[in-house]
Protein backbone atom coordinates (compact mmCIF):
# COMPACT_ATOMS: atom_id res chain seq x y z
CA UNK A 1 0.00 0.00 0.00
CA UNK A 2 2.94 2.32 0.72
CA UNK A 3 4.13 1.87 -2.87
CA UNK A 4 0.69 2.91 -4.09
CA UNK A 5 0.88 6.14 -2.03
CA UNK A 6 4.25 7.00 -3.55
CA UNK A 7 2.82 6.42 -7.03
CA UNK A 8 -0.15 8.65 -6.22
CA UNK A 9 2.17 11.38 -4.88
CA UNK A 10 4.31 11.49 -8.01
CA UNK A 11 1.25 11.20 -10.26
CA UNK A 12 -0.14 14.38 -8.69
CA UNK A 13 3.21 16.17 -9.01
CA UNK A 14 3.43 15.14 -12.65
CA UNK A 15 -0.13 16.30 -13.26
CA UNK A 16 0.58 19.74 -11.77
CA UNK A 17 3.80 20.02 -13.74
CA UNK A 18 1.93 19.26 -16.93
CA UNK A 19 -0.68 21.93 -16.13
CA UNK A 20 1.96 24.57 -15.51
CA UNK A 21 4.35 23.82 -18.34
CA UNK A 22 2.96 23.90 -21.88
CA UNK A 23 6.33 22.93 -23.33
CA UNK A 24 6.50 19.57 -21.46
CA UNK A 25 7.34 16.76 -23.88
CA UNK A 26 4.47 14.71 -25.25
CA UNK A 27 5.72 11.49 -23.67
CA UNK A 28 5.68 13.18 -20.28
CA UNK A 29 2.03 14.11 -20.77
CA UNK A 30 1.26 10.45 -21.33
CA UNK A 31 3.07 9.47 -18.15
CA UNK A 32 0.24 10.67 -15.94
CA UNK A 33 -2.14 8.16 -17.51
CA UNK A 34 0.44 5.44 -17.15
CA UNK A 35 0.98 6.32 -13.51
CA UNK A 36 -2.74 6.32 -12.82
CA UNK A 37 -3.19 2.92 -14.48
CA UNK A 38 -0.30 1.56 -12.46
CA UNK A 39 -1.71 3.07 -9.29
CA UNK A 40 -5.12 1.53 -9.97
CA UNK A 41 -3.59 -1.89 -10.56
CA UNK A 42 -1.47 -1.55 -7.45
CA UNK A 43 -4.49 -0.52 -5.37
CA UNK A 44 -6.57 -3.46 -6.64
CA UNK A 45 -3.72 -5.85 -5.92
CA UNK A 46 -3.48 -4.49 -2.39
CA UNK A 47 -7.22 -5.01 -1.98
CA UNK A 48 -6.95 -8.62 -3.18
CA UNK A 49 -4.10 -9.27 -0.75
CA UNK A 50 -6.10 -7.75 2.07
CA UNK A 51 -9.14 -9.88 1.24
CA UNK A 52 -6.99 -12.97 0.99
CA UNK A 53 -5.42 -12.23 4.36
CA UNK A 54 -8.85 -11.98 5.98
CA UNK A 55 -9.96 -15.21 4.30
CA UNK A 56 -6.74 -16.96 5.36
CA UNK A 57 -7.33 -15.89 8.95
CA UNK A 58 -10.85 -17.37 8.86
CA UNK A 59 -9.57 -20.62 7.37
CA UNK A 60 -6.81 -21.05 9.93
CA UNK A 61 -9.28 -20.38 12.75
CA UNK A 62 -11.81 -22.93 11.46
CA UNK A 63 -11.72 -25.81 13.92
CA UNK A 64 -13.76 -27.98 11.55
CA UNK A 65 -10.72 -28.44 9.34
CA UNK A 66 -8.62 -29.98 12.11
CA UNK A 67 -11.54 -32.05 13.39
CA UNK A 68 -12.39 -33.61 10.02
CA UNK A 69 -8.77 -34.16 9.08
CA UNK A 70 -7.98 -35.88 12.38
CA UNK A 71 -11.05 -38.12 12.08
CA UNK A 72 -10.12 -38.93 8.51
CA UNK A 73 -6.59 -40.00 9.42
CA UNK A 74 -7.99 -42.22 12.18
CA UNK A 75 -10.21 -43.97 9.63
CA UNK A 76 -7.30 -44.42 7.25
CA UNK A 77 -5.78 -46.98 9.60
CA UNK A 78 -7.34 -49.52 7.22
CA UNK A 79 -7.06 -50.08 3.46
CA UNK A 80 -10.41 -51.48 2.36
CA UNK A 81 -12.81 -49.02 0.73
CA UNK A 82 -15.13 -48.99 3.76
CA UNK A 83 -17.28 -51.03 6.10
CA UNK A 84 -19.37 -52.33 3.19
CA UNK A 85 -16.33 -53.55 1.29
CA UNK A 86 -13.81 -56.25 2.10
CA UNK A 87 -11.66 -55.39 -0.91
CA UNK A 88 -8.87 -52.90 -1.38
CA UNK A 89 -10.11 -51.01 -4.45
CA UNK A 90 -7.52 -49.20 -6.54
CA UNK A 91 -9.86 -46.38 -7.59
CA UNK A 92 -10.48 -45.71 -3.88
CA UNK A 93 -6.94 -46.36 -2.68
CA UNK A 94 -5.67 -43.82 -5.22
CA UNK A 95 -7.70 -41.14 -3.46
CA UNK A 96 -6.62 -41.88 0.10
CA UNK A 97 -3.03 -43.06 -0.33
CA UNK A 98 -1.59 -39.73 0.82
CA UNK A 99 -3.55 -39.98 4.03
CA UNK A 100 -2.51 -43.62 4.41
CA UNK A 101 1.11 -42.58 4.24
CA UNK A 102 0.54 -40.29 7.22
CA UNK A 103 -0.55 -43.17 9.45
CA UNK A 104 1.27 -46.20 8.02
CA UNK A 105 4.94 -46.98 7.35
CA UNK A 106 5.68 -46.51 3.67
CA UNK A 107 6.63 -50.19 3.38
CA UNK A 108 3.12 -51.23 4.35
CA UNK A 109 1.52 -48.93 1.80
CA UNK A 110 4.00 -50.10 -0.82
CA UNK A 111 3.00 -53.72 -0.26
CA UNK A 112 -0.63 -52.86 -0.95
CA UNK A 113 0.27 -51.06 -4.18
CA UNK A 114 2.39 -53.94 -5.42
CA UNK A 115 -0.50 -56.37 -4.97
CA UNK A 116 -2.19 -54.86 -8.02
CA UNK A 117 0.87 -55.47 -10.16
CA UNK A 118 1.19 -59.04 -8.89
CA UNK A 119 -2.26 -59.89 -10.16
CA UNK A 120 -2.07 -57.81 -13.34
CA UNK A 121 -3.51 -59.41 -16.47
CA UNK A 122 -1.24 -60.79 -19.18
CA UNK A 123 -2.57 -58.09 -21.50
CA UNK A 124 -1.65 -55.37 -19.01
CA UNK A 125 -5.11 -54.76 -17.52
CA UNK A 126 -5.43 -53.84 -13.84
CA UNK A 127 -8.11 -55.19 -11.52
CA UNK A 128 -10.52 -53.14 -9.42
CA UNK A 129 -10.11 -54.84 -6.06
CA UNK A 130 -8.06 -57.42 -4.23
CA UNK A 131 -9.49 -59.38 -1.31
CA UNK A 132 -8.55 -62.23 0.99
CA UNK A 133 -9.45 -65.43 -0.87
CA UNK A 134 -11.66 -66.54 2.02
CA UNK A 135 -13.84 -63.47 1.47
CA UNK A 136 -14.08 -63.86 -2.32
CA UNK A 137 -17.79 -64.71 -2.33
CA UNK A 138 -19.62 -61.64 -3.64
CA UNK A 139 -20.42 -62.93 -7.14
CA UNK A 140 -17.61 -61.40 -9.16
CA UNK A 141 -15.60 -63.34 -11.70
CA UNK A 142 -12.50 -63.71 -9.54
CA UNK A 143 -8.97 -64.14 -10.78
CA UNK A 144 -5.96 -65.59 -8.96
CA UNK A 145 -2.20 -65.44 -9.41
CA UNK A 146 0.71 -67.51 -8.07
CA UNK A 147 2.46 -64.17 -7.47
CA UNK A 148 -0.22 -63.21 -4.92
CA UNK A 149 -1.13 -66.35 -3.02
CA UNK A 150 -4.02 -66.12 -0.60
CA UNK A 151 -5.67 -63.28 -2.48
CA UNK A 152 -8.36 -63.01 -5.13
CA UNK A 153 -9.19 -60.10 -7.41
CA UNK A 154 -11.95 -58.89 -9.70
CA UNK A 155 -12.41 -56.29 -12.40
CA UNK A 156 -15.56 -54.30 -13.14
CA UNK A 157 -15.24 -54.45 -16.90
CA UNK A 158 -17.57 -51.52 -17.61
CA UNK A 159 -14.93 -49.17 -16.16
CA UNK A 160 -11.79 -47.78 -17.77
CA UNK A 161 -10.11 -46.15 -14.79
CA UNK A 162 -8.30 -48.95 -12.96
CA UNK A 163 -5.05 -48.69 -14.93
CA UNK A 164 -5.04 -44.89 -14.63
CA UNK A 165 -5.82 -45.04 -10.91
CA UNK A 166 -2.90 -47.37 -10.15
CA UNK A 167 -0.38 -45.24 -12.03
CA UNK A 168 -1.64 -42.10 -10.28
CA UNK A 169 -1.37 -43.87 -6.92
CA UNK A 170 2.26 -44.84 -7.57
CA UNK A 171 3.04 -41.21 -8.42
CA UNK A 172 1.46 -40.02 -5.17
CA UNK A 173 3.44 -42.65 -3.23
CA UNK A 174 6.69 -41.36 -4.73
CA UNK A 175 5.73 -37.71 -4.23
CA UNK A 176 5.11 -38.26 -0.53
CA UNK A 177 7.93 -40.70 0.28
CA UNK A 178 10.59 -39.92 -2.32
CA UNK A 179 10.97 -43.70 -2.68
CA UNK A 180 11.59 -44.24 -6.39
CA UNK A 181 12.83 -47.78 -5.74
CA UNK A 182 9.26 -48.98 -6.21
CA UNK A 183 9.73 -48.46 -9.95
CA UNK A 184 12.54 -51.02 -10.01
CA UNK A 185 10.67 -53.69 -8.04
CA UNK A 186 10.67 -56.90 -10.10
CA UNK A 187 7.37 -58.74 -10.23
CA UNK A 188 7.43 -61.89 -12.29
CA UNK A 189 9.94 -61.01 -14.97
CA UNK A 190 9.07 -57.32 -15.25
CA UNK A 191 9.75 -54.17 -13.26
CA UNK A 192 6.94 -51.98 -11.98
CA UNK A 193 7.74 -49.27 -14.50
CA UNK A 194 7.44 -51.85 -17.31
CA UNK A 195 4.14 -53.06 -15.89
CA UNK A 196 2.80 -49.51 -15.73
CA UNK A 197 3.61 -49.10 -19.39
CA UNK A 198 1.84 -52.41 -20.08
CA UNK A 199 -1.22 -50.93 -18.38
CA UNK A 200 -1.05 -47.83 -20.57
CA UNK A 201 -0.74 -49.99 -23.69
CA UNK A 202 -3.75 -52.08 -22.61
CA UNK A 203 -5.91 -48.97 -22.87
CA UNK A 204 -4.49 -48.23 -26.31
CA UNK A 205 -5.22 -51.76 -27.53
CA UNK A 206 -8.51 -52.70 -25.87
CA UNK A 207 -10.18 -49.47 -24.78
CA UNK A 208 -9.52 -47.15 -27.66
CA UNK A 209 -11.52 -45.50 -30.42
CA UNK A 210 -9.41 -44.93 -33.54
CA UNK A 211 -12.23 -42.82 -34.95
CA UNK A 212 -12.13 -40.30 -32.12
CA UNK A 213 -8.62 -40.85 -30.79
CA UNK A 214 -10.08 -41.23 -27.31
CA UNK A 215 -10.41 -43.79 -24.51
CA UNK A 216 -13.59 -45.88 -24.53
CA UNK A 217 -15.76 -47.56 -21.91
CA UNK A 218 -19.25 -48.86 -21.32
CA UNK A 219 -22.05 -46.33 -20.87
CA UNK A 220 -22.29 -45.50 -17.17
CA UNK A 221 -23.36 -42.45 -15.18
CA UNK A 222 -20.40 -40.07 -15.23
CA UNK A 223 -17.57 -41.81 -13.32
CA UNK A 224 -19.83 -44.66 -12.18
CA UNK A 225 -19.33 -48.41 -12.49
CA UNK A 226 -22.89 -49.50 -13.33
CA UNK A 227 -24.09 -49.55 -16.94
CA UNK A 228 -27.57 -48.61 -18.08
CA UNK A 229 -28.55 -52.02 -19.45
CA UNK A 230 -30.24 -54.67 -17.32
CA UNK A 231 -28.14 -57.48 -15.92
CA UNK A 232 -25.02 -57.56 -13.73
CA UNK A 233 -24.38 -53.84 -14.08
CA UNK A 234 -20.63 -53.87 -13.53
CA UNK A 235 -19.84 -56.36 -16.29
CA UNK A 236 -19.84 -55.93 -20.05
CA UNK A 237 -22.52 -58.01 -21.78
CA UNK A 238 -24.13 -58.37 -25.19
CA UNK A 239 -26.25 -55.27 -24.55
CA UNK A 240 -23.36 -52.97 -23.67
CA UNK A 241 -23.24 -49.67 -25.55
CA UNK A 242 -19.70 -48.42 -25.99
CA UNK A 243 -18.90 -44.75 -25.74
CA UNK A 244 -16.27 -42.15 -24.95
CA UNK A 245 -16.69 -39.84 -21.96
CA UNK A 246 -14.76 -37.15 -20.16
CA UNK A 247 -13.97 -39.02 -16.94
CA UNK A 248 -12.09 -41.94 -18.53
CA UNK A 249 -10.09 -39.65 -20.79
CA UNK A 250 -9.22 -37.19 -18.03
CA UNK A 251 -8.03 -40.01 -15.77
CA UNK A 252 -5.91 -41.50 -18.54
CA UNK A 253 -4.25 -38.18 -19.41
CA UNK A 254 -3.50 -37.57 -15.73
CA UNK A 255 -1.91 -41.03 -15.60
CA UNK A 256 0.13 -40.32 -18.74
CA UNK A 257 1.49 -37.13 -17.24
CA UNK A 258 2.31 -38.94 -14.01
CA UNK A 259 4.09 -41.75 -15.85
CA UNK A 260 6.17 -39.27 -17.85
CA UNK A 261 7.11 -37.37 -14.70
CA UNK A 262 8.22 -40.36 -12.65
CA UNK A 263 9.77 -42.80 -15.11
CA UNK A 264 13.56 -43.09 -14.72
CA UNK A 265 15.59 -40.93 -17.08
CA UNK A 266 17.38 -43.96 -18.49
CA UNK A 267 14.13 -45.84 -19.13
CA UNK A 268 13.26 -46.09 -22.82
CA UNK A 269 9.50 -45.97 -23.29
CA UNK A 270 7.79 -48.06 -25.93
CA UNK A 271 5.68 -45.09 -26.99
CA UNK A 272 5.84 -41.33 -27.02
CA UNK A 273 3.28 -40.87 -24.28
CA UNK A 274 3.54 -37.09 -24.34
CA UNK A 275 2.26 -37.14 -27.92
CA UNK A 276 -0.58 -39.45 -26.89
CA UNK A 277 -1.55 -37.09 -24.06
CA UNK A 278 -1.49 -34.10 -26.38
CA UNK A 279 -3.64 -35.94 -28.93
CA UNK A 280 -6.25 -36.91 -26.35
CA UNK A 281 -6.38 -33.37 -25.00
CA UNK A 282 -6.97 -32.04 -28.52
CA UNK A 283 -9.67 -34.63 -29.24
CA UNK A 284 -11.41 -34.00 -25.93
CA UNK A 285 -11.82 -30.40 -27.01
CA UNK A 286 -12.96 -31.48 -30.46
CA UNK A 287 -15.48 -34.18 -29.58
CA UNK A 288 -16.44 -33.93 -25.90
CA UNK A 289 -16.47 -30.20 -25.14
CA UNK A 290 -19.69 -28.34 -25.94
CA UNK A 291 -18.28 -24.90 -26.74
CA UNK A 292 -21.74 -23.33 -26.90
CA UNK A 293 -22.99 -24.55 -23.52
CA UNK A 294 -19.51 -24.56 -21.91
CA UNK A 295 -19.94 -28.10 -20.59
CA UNK A 296 -18.95 -31.65 -21.48
CA UNK A 297 -21.17 -33.97 -23.48
CA UNK A 298 -22.11 -36.96 -21.29
CA UNK A 299 -21.21 -39.49 -24.02
CA UNK A 300 -20.24 -39.83 -27.64
CA UNK A 301 -21.52 -43.25 -28.75
CA UNK A 302 -19.69 -45.85 -30.84
CA UNK A 303 -22.49 -48.37 -31.40
CA UNK A 304 -25.61 -46.38 -30.66
CA UNK A 305 -27.10 -44.85 -27.53
CA UNK A 306 -28.98 -46.98 -24.98
CA UNK A 307 -31.43 -44.12 -24.57
CA UNK A 308 -34.41 -43.24 -26.80
CA UNK A 309 -34.03 -40.44 -29.35
CA UNK A 310 -36.57 -38.39 -27.42
CA UNK A 311 -34.28 -38.25 -24.38
CA UNK A 312 -31.95 -35.22 -24.31
CA UNK A 313 -28.92 -36.63 -22.55
CA UNK A 314 -26.90 -33.49 -23.19
CA UNK A 315 -29.22 -31.67 -20.81
CA UNK A 316 -27.42 -33.51 -17.99
CA UNK A 317 -24.41 -31.91 -16.32
CA UNK A 318 -21.63 -34.35 -15.39
CA UNK A 319 -20.02 -32.85 -12.29
CA UNK A 320 -17.45 -35.50 -11.31
CA UNK A 321 -16.05 -35.95 -14.80
CA UNK A 322 -15.87 -32.17 -15.22
CA UNK A 323 -13.80 -31.89 -12.05
CA UNK A 324 -11.39 -34.55 -13.32
CA UNK A 325 -11.16 -32.72 -16.65
CA UNK A 326 -10.10 -29.57 -14.83
CA UNK A 327 -7.50 -31.58 -12.91
CA UNK A 328 -6.20 -32.91 -16.23
CA UNK A 329 -5.74 -29.35 -17.53
CA UNK A 330 -8.34 -29.49 -20.30
CA UNK A 331 -9.95 -26.12 -19.56
CA UNK A 332 -9.04 -22.42 -19.57
CA UNK A 333 -9.40 -20.29 -16.41
CA UNK A 334 -12.57 -18.70 -17.80
CA UNK A 335 -14.03 -22.14 -18.52
CA UNK A 336 -13.15 -23.36 -15.03
CA UNK A 337 -15.04 -20.42 -13.58
CA UNK A 338 -18.06 -21.17 -15.77
CA UNK A 339 -18.00 -24.90 -14.98
CA UNK A 340 -17.91 -24.05 -11.29
CA UNK A 341 -20.85 -21.66 -11.74
CA UNK A 342 -22.86 -24.41 -13.44
CA UNK A 343 -22.04 -26.90 -10.69
CA UNK A 344 -23.14 -24.45 -8.00
CA UNK A 345 -26.33 -23.72 -9.93
CA UNK A 346 -27.09 -27.44 -10.15
CA UNK A 347 -26.43 -27.98 -6.43
CA UNK A 348 -28.68 -25.03 -5.56
CA UNK A 349 -31.67 -26.83 -7.06
CA UNK A 350 -31.66 -29.49 -4.35
CA UNK A 351 -31.86 -28.66 -0.66
CA UNK A 352 -28.99 -30.83 0.53
CA UNK A 353 -26.74 -30.91 -2.54
CA UNK A 354 -23.12 -29.83 -2.85
CA UNK A 355 -20.90 -29.83 -5.93
CA UNK A 356 -20.38 -33.52 -5.12
CA UNK A 357 -23.70 -34.41 -6.76
CA UNK A 358 -22.76 -36.81 -9.55
CA UNK A 359 -25.06 -35.55 -12.29
CA UNK A 360 -27.89 -33.09 -12.63
CA UNK A 361 -30.64 -33.65 -13.41
CA UNK A 362 -30.47 -37.41 -12.76
CA UNK A 363 -31.43 -39.96 -15.39
CA UNK A 364 -35.13 -40.93 -15.17
CA UNK A 365 -35.89 -44.50 -14.08
CA UNK A 366 -37.15 -45.55 -17.51
CA UNK A 367 -33.88 -44.42 -19.11
CA UNK A 368 -31.60 -46.02 -16.52
CA UNK A 369 -33.37 -49.07 -15.09
CA UNK A 370 -30.30 -50.26 -13.18
CA UNK A 371 -30.30 -47.16 -10.97
CA UNK A 372 -33.18 -44.89 -10.05
CA UNK A 373 -32.95 -41.09 -9.89
CA UNK A 374 -31.30 -39.56 -6.80
CA UNK A 375 -29.92 -42.99 -5.95
CA UNK A 376 -26.24 -43.91 -5.64
CA UNK A 377 -24.36 -42.62 -8.71
CA UNK A 378 -27.49 -41.30 -10.43
CA UNK A 379 -27.80 -37.99 -8.63
CA UNK A 380 -26.40 -39.01 -5.25
CA UNK A 381 -23.96 -36.58 -3.64
CA UNK A 382 -20.41 -37.90 -3.27
CA UNK A 383 -17.85 -35.84 -1.35
CA UNK A 384 -15.40 -38.38 -2.77
CA UNK A 385 -15.58 -36.39 -6.01
CA UNK A 386 -16.81 -32.98 -4.90
CA UNK A 387 -13.83 -32.35 -2.63
CA UNK A 388 -11.49 -32.94 -5.57
CA UNK A 389 -12.53 -29.50 -6.85
CA UNK A 390 -11.01 -27.63 -3.91
CA UNK A 391 -7.35 -27.76 -4.98
CA UNK A 392 -8.14 -26.73 -8.60
CA UNK A 393 -10.20 -23.77 -7.36
CA UNK A 394 -7.19 -22.65 -5.31
CA UNK A 395 -4.83 -23.04 -8.25
CA UNK A 396 -7.18 -21.00 -10.46
CA UNK A 397 -7.22 -18.19 -7.86
CA UNK A 398 -10.69 -18.83 -6.54
CA UNK A 399 -9.98 -19.31 -2.81
CA UNK A 400 -13.31 -17.95 -1.56
CA UNK A 401 -15.14 -20.41 -3.80
CA UNK A 402 -12.91 -23.23 -2.56
CA UNK A 403 -13.63 -22.47 1.09
CA UNK A 404 -17.37 -21.92 0.57
CA UNK A 405 -17.77 -25.12 -1.44
CA UNK A 406 -15.79 -27.19 1.04
CA UNK A 407 -17.76 -25.90 4.02
CA UNK A 408 -21.00 -27.93 3.65
CA UNK A 409 -18.96 -31.08 3.14
CA UNK A 410 -17.26 -30.50 6.47
CA UNK A 411 -20.57 -29.79 8.17
CA UNK A 412 -22.18 -33.04 7.17
CA UNK A 413 -19.20 -35.15 8.20
CA UNK A 414 -19.38 -33.58 11.63
CA UNK A 415 -23.19 -33.74 11.82
CA UNK A 416 -23.27 -37.42 10.82
CA UNK A 417 -20.26 -38.31 12.97
CA UNK A 418 -18.53 -40.16 10.17
CA UNK A 419 -17.56 -40.46 6.53
CA UNK A 420 -20.33 -41.83 4.36
CA UNK A 421 -20.17 -43.05 0.80
CA UNK A 422 -22.88 -40.75 -0.52
CA UNK A 423 -25.74 -38.50 0.56
CA UNK A 424 -29.34 -38.11 -0.59
CA UNK A 425 -29.70 -34.57 -1.93
CA UNK A 426 -33.44 -34.48 -1.20
CA UNK A 427 -33.34 -35.65 2.42
CA UNK A 428 -29.73 -35.03 3.41
CA UNK A 429 -29.47 -38.54 4.82
CA UNK A 430 -26.18 -40.42 4.47
CA UNK A 431 -26.12 -43.72 2.59
CA UNK A 432 -23.81 -46.50 1.51
CA UNK A 433 -20.68 -47.52 3.36
CA UNK A 434 -20.52 -46.03 6.85
CA UNK A 435 -16.76 -45.58 6.99
CA UNK A 436 -15.92 -44.65 3.44
CA UNK A 437 -12.19 -44.11 3.14
CA UNK A 438 -12.47 -42.43 -0.26
CA UNK A 439 -14.33 -39.51 1.31
CA UNK A 440 -11.85 -39.33 4.18
CA UNK A 441 -8.95 -39.33 1.72
CA UNK A 442 -10.13 -36.54 -0.58
CA UNK A 443 -11.15 -34.40 2.39
CA UNK A 444 -7.71 -34.92 3.92
CA UNK A 445 -6.11 -33.68 0.69
CA UNK A 446 -8.59 -30.80 0.22
CA UNK A 447 -8.06 -29.59 3.79
CA UNK A 448 -4.29 -29.87 3.41
CA UNK A 449 -4.45 -27.76 0.24
CA UNK A 450 -6.63 -25.03 1.73
CA UNK A 451 -4.53 -24.87 4.90
CA UNK A 452 -1.38 -24.49 2.81
CA UNK A 453 -3.00 -21.67 0.83
CA UNK A 454 -4.02 -19.93 4.05
CA UNK A 455 -0.52 -20.19 5.52
CA UNK A 456 0.95 -18.53 2.42
CA UNK A 457 -1.62 -15.73 2.38
CA UNK A 458 -2.13 -14.92 6.06
C-alpha cells in the first residue's frame, strides 16, 4: 500500500507540472495516464491481498478443518474401501493413499500397491479390487495369481479407470515418500515401470476408439461403475453400448502425465506418451467439449445410444467428470469459472446438494433401469468427487469459492459423525458404506491444500 501512495504522490506532481508547463514533452504528458493505471492496478492488488489475508485468517481459525482431518486419518488406519467392502479397491486407494502414508509406514503402503501389479492381467489390464481369498464370495468373476497367493481379485469391466488409478497412486506414493525404488521392483519377470507401461498400452489396444482418438468404456453415469442395461451392471454383456466420456479420458491423461514425470531418465518408453496425451487433449476439445454450452457432453456413442431419441442426454451436467477434466488441464481459467458456476447452480436446485452431486438432473428410471434417480451414482452426492474440486479452485485463484464449497462437506461429516459413501440430496441422509475411506482421503487432501494456501496468504 505504501508503494501505491508514492505512485499517487508522483502522479499528482506530474499532473501539476503538466498543467503549468505547456512545453513539457508529449511522452511526459502520457506518463500521468500510465501512472494512474499503475496506481489503480497496485491498489486493486493491495485489496486482493487484504481480502486474501482476511480469508486466510478465517480458514486457519476454522476448527472444523482440524476435526475432520484428524477423524479422517484415524479412519485411514485400514485399506479397504469402507465397512461395506472387504476389498482394497484401486480407484479408492488412489484417493486416500496420501492420508494412508501419514498413518502407516511406507513399506506397508508399498506392499498394498504392489499387490495390483502381482495380479495384473497378461494383456496389461489392472483389476478393481483385491481381497482375501476366504472373502471372495460376492459374485464377481474372480482371478488368482501364483504371485499373490491367498488373495483373489476382480475387475468391473464396464470401467476404464483402474489402470489410470494405479499409475496415479504410484506417483502419489513417490511424491510423498521420495521412494523411487518402487519403480525397479521386479514382479514376475518385469519391473513396476514396465508393468505400468503395459497398463497404458492395454488402454491403447482394448479401450480405444481410432475414430475419435479417445479412450472408450461402457455407458455409465459419469464416473460410475454401473451400466444402463439390465443385468449384472458392472460387467460388459451383449447389450453394452460403448462410448467415450470425459472421466475416462481425463483419468488416462493424468496417468500419462504422471508416468512421464516419474519414469527413470534412463528408461526407454515403448511409446511417445507425451504425444498421446497431447492428442487426447486435442480430441477431448474437439469431440467432448460443448463450446456453446460450456460443458462436457455426457457421451459420444460408438455403437448407438442406450437411450431413446426423445431423451436429451446433453441436458445432464456431469459434475465428477468435469472436475477430473479440470484436474487434467483441459480447460481455460474462464471455462473453469463457468463450470464451477454451473455446478453451484445445479447444487442449488436441491436442498442438501453440494458440488459432489454426480449428475444433474439425474437420469429418469425408464432411461436407466439399473439405478433410479437420486440414488447412488445417479444424482447421489459424493464428497469423494466434490472435494477434488477444492485444490483446482485454489490453483485458479478462486480461494473464496474453494472455502465456501468445502464448508457444507465438512458440516455433514461432523453432523453425521462419520464419513459416508454418498448422501441423498433431497433428504440429506447419508447412505452406503458407513466408513468410506475415499471420502476421508479426498477431504484430507482438500483440507491440506486449503490450509497451505491460508498459511501462504495470512
